[in-house]
Each structure stands twice: as structure tokens, then as C-alpha cells.
């Protein structure tokens, strides 16, 4: 037939202007055509990337972490005024809380897509918070605090609850629009 073999990134086959992957990868790619599978992949990648950001920040030495906090404080002081710079400790704790609130939302999204228990994201987030503080034990100039694990976990639970609240609101809105169409 009119099959042309290409030597690019892997073996790619062309048949009448249609590209397809080699046989071992075709099943995986066919499954990815379904939108739910693409959402699962996206949610997984975003969650892993966010965990990488959180843990990457924990690997920063104390001086670099303080410099990043100072930079963020300067940006916030331009928006909210110079009083923000006086609350450096509070800003750092709020950063912990916010990082894990976002992680909580991402973990809840993954649990919903994979149809897993609602308690699994909470456990995974707690383990992530404990890992985060453990990493800081080995970073020069950093300290690990149990209080930070609690702040992280509170942020995580807030993210989980917000995700479920928004999901419920969207579901209720959809049901209301269906009822009004009938």
C-alpha cells in the first residue's frame, strides 16, 4: 500500500495524509481521545507539577527562600501598601496555606475524575505536607516545624472543601437549567 515510514521522534506511519502511532502506542492514544482521559492526564500533570513547585521551594536554602519571600513582599507592598512588609512571618504562613489550598483543589479534582474516596486526597495532602517539612530538615538555613504541617493541612482541607462546594454549585445549576428546559 501507500505506507511511508518516517524516522523522526519514534516510528510514525503515514497513510493517505493520516498519521498514526506504532501499534504498541495506538491503544494508549485511542484511550486519550476520550475527553475524560485527557482531563485525567491534565489533572495528574498539574498536580505533579504543583507538588514539584512546593517541594522545589522547600529545597531552597534559607537565604534564597528569604529572598523569594522578600520579592513577593515587595510586590504585595506595591499593591497593599508598605505595612505588608511588617508582616513577613504572616506572609510566609499564608504562602504555605495557599500552596496547599491549590494542591487540595487539584487532589480533589483527581479524586473526582478517578472516582476515588474523598478521604484519599486528604491523606495524600497530609503526606505531601509531612514530606515538605521533612525536605526542609535537609535544606541549609531552613527549619521544619510541626505547626507548618498543620497550616499546610488546613490549607489543603480548605482547597478540598472549596472544590467540592464549587462542584456542588455547578451540579445544582445544571439540574436547575434542566428542570427549566422541561
C-alpha atoms as a PDB file:
ATOM      1  CA  UNK A   1       0.000   0.000   0.000  1.00  0.00           C
ATOM      2  CA  UNK A   2       0.966   3.635   0.264  1.00  0.00           C
ATOM      3  CA  UNK A   3       2.588   3.445   3.714  1.00  0.00           C
ATOM      4  CA  UNK A   4       5.603   5.657   4.214  1.00  0.00           C
ATOM      5  CA  UNK A   5       7.856   5.110   7.199  1.00  0.00           C
ATOM      6  CA  UNK A   6       9.378   8.173   8.857  1.00  0.00           C
ATOM      7  CA  UNK A   7      12.474   8.362  11.063  1.00  0.00           C
ATOM      8  CA  UNK A   8      11.570  11.181  13.426  1.00  0.00           C
ATOM      9  CA  UNK A   9      10.602  11.060  17.055  1.00  0.00           C
ATOM     10  CA  UNK A  10       9.754   7.369  17.129  1.00  0.00           C
ATOM     11  CA  UNK A  11       8.354   5.456  14.215  1.00  0.00           C
ATOM     12  CA  UNK A  12       5.392   7.203  12.673  1.00  0.00           C
ATOM     13  CA  UNK A  13       3.363   5.754   9.838  1.00  0.00           C
ATOM     14  CA  UNK A  14       1.534   7.754   7.210  1.00  0.00           C
ATOM     15  CA  UNK A  15      -1.412   6.508   5.194  1.00  0.00           C
ATOM     16  CA  UNK A  16      -3.099   8.950   2.853  1.00  0.00           C
ATOM     17  CA  UNK A  17      -2.269  12.068   4.894  1.00  0.00           C
ATOM     18  CA  UNK A  18      -3.262  10.398   8.161  1.00  0.00           C
ATOM     19  CA  UNK A  19      -0.650   9.878  10.873  1.00  0.00           C
ATOM     20  CA  UNK A  20      -0.784   7.107  13.437  1.00  0.00           C
ATOM     21  CA  UNK A  21       1.496   5.839  16.167  1.00  0.00           C
ATOM     22  CA  UNK A  22       3.212   2.450  16.145  1.00  0.00           C
ATOM     23  CA  UNK A  23       0.976  -0.433  17.290  1.00  0.00           C
ATOM     24  CA  UNK A  24       2.141  -0.616  20.936  1.00  0.00           C
ATOM     25  CA  UNK A  25       1.083   3.016  21.477  1.00  0.00           C
ATOM     26  CA  UNK A  26      -2.150   3.029  19.474  1.00  0.00           C
ATOM     27  CA  UNK A  27      -4.316   1.708  22.335  1.00  0.00           C
ATOM     28  CA  UNK A  28      -2.988   4.352  24.728  1.00  0.00           C
ATOM     29  CA  UNK A  29      -3.542   7.132  22.201  1.00  0.00           C
ATOM     30  CA  UNK A  30      -7.023   5.871  21.309  1.00  0.00           C
ATOM     31  CA  UNK A  31      -7.950   5.994  25.004  1.00  0.00           C
ATOM     32  CA  UNK A  32      -6.620   9.558  25.224  1.00  0.00           C
ATOM     33  CA  UNK A  33      -9.105  10.652  22.563  1.00  0.00           C
ATOM     34  CA  UNK A  34     -11.844  10.444  25.174  1.00  0.00           C
ATOM     35  CA  UNK A  35     -12.177  13.802  26.965  1.00  0.00           C
ATOM     36  CA  UNK A  36     -12.305  12.237  30.447  1.00  0.00           C
ATOM     37  CA  UNK A  37      -8.945  10.585  29.870  1.00  0.00           C
ATOM     38  CA  UNK A  38      -7.466  13.875  28.680  1.00  0.00           C
ATOM     39  CA  UNK A  39      -8.802  15.534  31.842  1.00  0.00           C
ATOM     40  CA  UNK A  40      -7.255  12.783  33.965  1.00  0.00           C
ATOM     41  CA  UNK A  41      -3.910  13.304  32.256  1.00  0.00           C
ATOM     42  CA  UNK A  42      -4.117  17.080  32.644  1.00  0.00           C
ATOM     43  CA  UNK A  43      -5.148  16.839  36.311  1.00  0.00           C
ATOM     44  CA  UNK A  44      -2.311  14.414  37.022  1.00  0.00           C
ATOM     45  CA  UNK A  45       0.297  16.549  35.273  1.00  0.00           C
ATOM     46  CA  UNK A  46      -0.866  19.742  37.012  1.00  0.00           C
ATOM     47  CA  UNK A  47      -0.872  18.015  40.407  1.00  0.00           C
ATOM     48  CA  UNK A  48       2.631  16.624  39.934  1.00  0.00           C
ATOM     49  CA  UNK A  49       3.883  19.978  38.651  1.00  0.00           C
ATOM     50  CA  UNK A  50       2.365  21.757  41.660  1.00  0.00           C
ATOM     51  CA  UNK A  51       3.940  19.239  44.042  1.00  0.00           C
ATOM     52  CA  UNK A  52       7.242  19.848  42.251  1.00  0.00           C
ATOM     53  CA  UNK A  53       6.857  23.585  42.833  1.00  0.00           C
ATOM     54  CA  UNK A  54       6.049  23.101  46.525  1.00  0.00           C
ATOM     55  CA  UNK A  55       8.899  20.686  47.137  1.00  0.00           C
ATOM     56  CA  UNK A  56      11.249  22.697  44.938  1.00  0.00           C
ATOM     57  CA  UNK A  57      10.654  25.702  47.183  1.00  0.00           C
ATOM     58  CA  UNK A  58      11.446  23.519  50.194  1.00  0.00           C
ATOM     59  CA  UNK A  59      14.813  22.568  48.713  1.00  0.00           C
ATOM     60  CA  UNK A  60      15.812  26.244  48.524  1.00  0.00           C
ATOM     61  CA  UNK A  61      18.401  27.236  51.144  1.00  0.00           C
ATOM     62  CA  UNK A  62      17.222  29.666  53.815  1.00  0.00           C
ATOM     63  CA  UNK A  63      18.858  32.715  52.169  1.00  0.00           C
ATOM     64  CA  UNK A  64      17.228  32.038  48.798  1.00  0.00           C
ATOM     65  CA  UNK A  65      13.854  31.353  50.395  1.00  0.00           C
ATOM     66  CA  UNK A  66      14.080  34.639  52.304  1.00  0.00           C
ATOM     67  CA  UNK A  67      14.976  36.440  49.057  1.00  0.00           C
ATOM     68  CA  UNK A  68      11.922  34.976  47.298  1.00  0.00           C
ATOM     69  CA  UNK A  69       9.702  35.949  50.250  1.00  0.00           C
ATOM     70  CA  UNK A  70      11.189  39.448  50.199  1.00  0.00           C
ATOM     71  CA  UNK A  71      10.500  39.781  46.475  1.00  0.00           C
ATOM     72  CA  UNK A  72       6.881  38.681  46.907  1.00  0.00           C
ATOM     73  CA  UNK A  73       6.554  41.030  49.891  1.00  0.00           C
ATOM     74  CA  UNK A  74       7.808  43.943  47.777  1.00  0.00           C
ATOM     75  CA  UNK A  75       5.260  43.148  45.065  1.00  0.00           C
ATOM     76  CA  UNK A  76       2.447  42.949  47.599  1.00  0.00           C
ATOM     77  CA  UNK A  77       3.558  46.197  49.256  1.00  0.00           C
ATOM     78  CA  UNK A  78       3.113  47.996  45.932  1.00  0.00           C
ATOM     79  CA  UNK A  79      -0.490  46.789  45.826  1.00  0.00           C
ATOM     80  CA  UNK A  80      -1.490  46.899  49.510  1.00  0.00           C
ATOM     81  CA  UNK A  81       0.954  49.444  50.945  1.00  0.00           C
ATOM     82  CA  UNK A  82       4.194  49.293  52.971  1.00  0.00           C
ATOM     83  CA  UNK A  83       2.534  47.803  56.065  1.00  0.00           C
ATOM     84  CA  UNK A  84       2.645  44.413  54.293  1.00  0.00           C
ATOM     85  CA  UNK A  85       6.417  44.259  54.750  1.00  0.00           C
ATOM     86  CA  UNK A  86       5.964  44.306  58.533  1.00  0.00           C
ATOM     87  CA  UNK A  87       4.010  41.036  58.369  1.00  0.00           C
ATOM     88  CA  UNK A  88       6.721  38.827  56.801  1.00  0.00           C
ATOM     89  CA  UNK A  89       6.017  35.933  59.152  1.00  0.00           C
ATOM     90  CA  UNK A  90       2.301  36.077  58.339  1.00  0.00           C
ATOM     91  CA  UNK A  91       3.045  36.269  54.602  1.00  0.00           C
ATOM     92  CA  UNK A  92       5.184  33.127  54.770  1.00  0.00           C
ATOM     93  CA  UNK A  93       2.465  31.212  56.621  1.00  0.00           C
ATOM     94  CA  UNK A  94      -0.162  32.481  54.196  1.00  0.00           C
ATOM     95  CA  UNK A  95       2.038  31.240  51.335  1.00  0.00           C
ATOM     96  CA  UNK A  96       2.121  27.764  52.935  1.00  0.00           C
ATOM     97  CA  UNK A  97      -1.656  27.841  53.333  1.00  0.00           C
ATOM     98  CA  UNK A  98      -2.251  28.997  49.742  1.00  0.00           C
ATOM     99  CA  UNK A  99       0.151  26.472  48.189  1.00  0.00           C
ATOM    100  CA  UNK A 100      -1.657  23.633  49.887  1.00  0.00           C
ATOM    101  CA  UNK A 101      -5.133  25.033  49.206  1.00  0.00           C
ATOM    102  CA  UNK A 102      -4.312  24.860  45.500  1.00  0.00           C
ATOM    103  CA  UNK A 103      -2.925  21.343  45.986  1.00  0.00           C
ATOM    104  CA  UNK A 104      -6.158  20.388  47.785  1.00  0.00           C
ATOM    105  CA  UNK A 105      -8.222  21.548  44.816  1.00  0.00           C
ATOM    106  CA  UNK A 106      -6.014  19.612  42.403  1.00  0.00           C
ATOM    107  CA  UNK A 107      -6.161  16.443  44.518  1.00  0.00           C
ATOM    108  CA  UNK A 108      -9.960  16.728  44.809  1.00  0.00           C
ATOM    109  CA  UNK A 109     -10.180  17.119  41.021  1.00  0.00           C
ATOM    110  CA  UNK A 110      -8.083  13.967  40.569  1.00  0.00           C
ATOM    111  CA  UNK A 111     -10.219  12.033  43.061  1.00  0.00           C
ATOM    112  CA  UNK A 112     -13.390  13.081  41.258  1.00  0.00           C
ATOM    113  CA  UNK A 113     -12.040  12.101  37.834  1.00  0.00           C
ATOM    114  CA  UNK A 114     -10.729   8.751  39.057  1.00  0.00           C
ATOM    115  CA  UNK A 115     -13.842   8.169  41.228  1.00  0.00           C
ATOM    116  CA  UNK A 116     -11.854   7.707  44.409  1.00  0.00           C
ATOM    117  CA  UNK A 117     -12.788   8.262  48.035  1.00  0.00           C
ATOM    118  CA  UNK A 118     -12.939  11.834  49.314  1.00  0.00           C
ATOM    119  CA  UNK A 119     -10.600  10.899  52.155  1.00  0.00           C
ATOM    120  CA  UNK A 120      -7.789   9.830  49.792  1.00  0.00           C
ATOM    121  CA  UNK A 121      -6.892  13.412  48.744  1.00  0.00           C
ATOM    122  CA  UNK A 122      -6.771  14.463  52.403  1.00  0.00           C
ATOM    123  CA  UNK A 123      -4.375  11.620  53.224  1.00  0.00           C
ATOM    124  CA  UNK A 124      -2.243  12.325  50.136  1.00  0.00           C
ATOM    125  CA  UNK A 125      -2.118  16.020  51.053  1.00  0.00           C
ATOM    126  CA  UNK A 126      -1.119  15.269  54.633  1.00  0.00           C
ATOM    127  CA  UNK A 127       1.705  13.069  53.348  1.00  0.00           C
ATOM    128  CA  UNK A 128       2.747  15.867  50.970  1.00  0.00           C
ATOM    129  CA  UNK A 129       2.831  18.352  53.869  1.00  0.00           C
ATOM    130  CA  UNK A 130       4.900  15.984  56.002  1.00  0.00           C
ATOM    131  CA  UNK A 131       7.267  15.383  53.078  1.00  0.00           C
ATOM    132  CA  UNK A 132       7.542  19.140  52.552  1.00  0.00           C
ATOM    133  CA  UNK A 133       8.634  19.713  56.140  1.00  0.00           C
ATOM    134  CA  UNK A 134      10.978  16.701  56.033  1.00  0.00           C
ATOM    135  CA  UNK A 135      12.717  18.159  52.974  1.00  0.00           C
ATOM    136  CA  UNK A 136      13.280  21.379  54.918  1.00  0.00           C
ATOM    137  CA  UNK A 137      15.191  19.402  57.576  1.00  0.00           C
ATOM    138  CA  UNK A 138      17.909  18.813  54.981  1.00  0.00           C
ATOM    139  CA  UNK A 139      17.905  22.295  53.424  1.00  0.00           C
ATOM    140  CA  UNK A 140      20.579  24.629  54.839  1.00  0.00           C
ATOM    141  CA  UNK A 141      19.197  27.534  56.832  1.00  0.00           C
ATOM    142  CA  UNK A 142      15.689  26.061  56.939  1.00  0.00           C
ATOM    143  CA  UNK A 143      13.737  24.595  59.836  1.00  0.00           C
ATOM    144  CA  UNK A 144      10.989  22.035  59.945  1.00  0.00           C
ATOM    145  CA  UNK A 145       8.004  22.865  62.119  1.00  0.00           C
ATOM    146  CA  UNK A 146       5.012  20.773  63.110  1.00  0.00           C
ATOM    147  CA  UNK A 147       2.943  23.973  63.083  1.00  0.00           C
ATOM    148  CA  UNK A 148       3.700  24.325  59.362  1.00  0.00           C
ATOM    149  CA  UNK A 149       2.314  20.840  58.720  1.00  0.00           C
ATOM    150  CA  UNK A 150      -0.914  21.923  60.429  1.00  0.00           C
ATOM    151  CA  UNK A 151      -1.035  25.156  58.396  1.00  0.00           C
ATOM    152  CA  UNK A 152      -0.416  23.172  55.205  1.00  0.00           C
ATOM    153  CA  UNK A 153      -3.117  20.675  56.138  1.00  0.00           C
ATOM    154  CA  UNK A 154      -5.599  23.458  56.945  1.00  0.00           C
ATOM    155  CA  UNK A 155      -4.898  24.956  53.505  1.00  0.00           C
ATOM    156  CA  UNK A 156      -5.341  21.555  51.905  1.00  0.00           C
ATOM    157  CA  UNK A 157      -8.699  20.988  53.614  1.00  0.00           C
ATOM    158  CA  UNK A 158      -9.815  24.455  52.538  1.00  0.00           C
ATOM    159  CA  UNK A 159      -8.912  23.624  48.929  1.00  0.00           C
ATOM    160  CA  UNK A 160     -10.764  20.304  49.140  1.00  0.00           C
ATOM    161  CA  UNK A 161     -13.869  21.951  50.602  1.00  0.00           C
ATOM    162  CA  UNK A 162     -13.829  24.789  48.050  1.00  0.00           C
ATOM    163  CA  UNK A 163     -13.527  22.302  45.193  1.00  0.00           C
ATOM    164  CA  UNK A 164     -16.476  20.267  46.473  1.00  0.00           C
ATOM    165  CA  UNK A 165     -18.524  23.415  47.111  1.00  0.00           C
ATOM    166  CA  UNK A 166     -17.894  24.751  43.574  1.00  0.00           C
ATOM    167  CA  UNK A 167     -18.600  21.312  42.108  1.00  0.00           C
ATOM    168  CA  UNK A 168     -21.886  21.082  44.001  1.00  0.00           C
ATOM    169  CA  UNK A 169     -22.858  24.609  42.875  1.00  0.00           C
ATOM    170  CA  UNK A 170     -22.164  23.696  39.250  1.00  0.00           C
ATOM    171  CA  UNK A 171     -24.132  20.457  39.594  1.00  0.00           C
ATOM    172  CA  UNK A 172     -27.103  22.281  41.154  1.00  0.00           C
ATOM    173  CA  UNK A 173     -27.006  24.926  38.425  1.00  0.00           C
ATOM    174  CA  UNK A 174     -27.030  22.224  35.745  1.00  0.00           C
ATOM    175  CA  UNK A 175     -30.003  20.487  37.393  1.00  0.00           C
ATOM    176  CA  UNK A 176     -31.902  23.793  37.632  1.00  0.00           C
ATOM    177  CA  UNK A 177     -31.340  24.528  33.951  1.00  0.00           C
ATOM    178  CA  UNK A 178     -32.536  21.025  33.016  1.00  0.00           C
ATOM    179  CA  UNK A 179     -35.710  21.494  35.056  1.00  0.00           C
ATOM    180  CA  UNK A 180     -36.405  24.853  33.450  1.00  0.00           C
ATOM    181  CA  UNK A 181     -35.963  23.339  29.956  1.00  0.00           C
ATOM    182  CA  UNK A 182     -38.644  20.730  30.620  1.00  0.00           C
END
